[in-house]
Amino acid sequence: MSAEGLNAFLQLAAADPQLRSALRACQPEEAAALAEARGFPVTVGDLVRYKSRATTWQLRDDELAEVVRWQSRDQAYWWQRIWEA
């Protein structure tokens, strides 16, 4: 997916409190599925790239999925915190 498509999904989430709430509770695979269900073909790789654009856009989706497997499940993902007050 392009950065523009991911940004469009995030704009939708910004306007929808229920979607924001759902994203806050999602692991990467679930967040991507949530976007897909709303017509945005977002991958786990897209979500990780968005967080660290400068260094990860060169990595393939399978490489980024491996990075996600290394991350502690106790660590929050950026989409779980973006709209916090």
Foldseek 3Di string as FASTA:
>chain_A
DDPVLVVVLVVVCVVDVVSLQVQLPDQLVVNQVSCVVVPRNDHSLNQVCVVVVVPRPVDDSVVSVVVSVPDDPPDGGCSSPVPDD
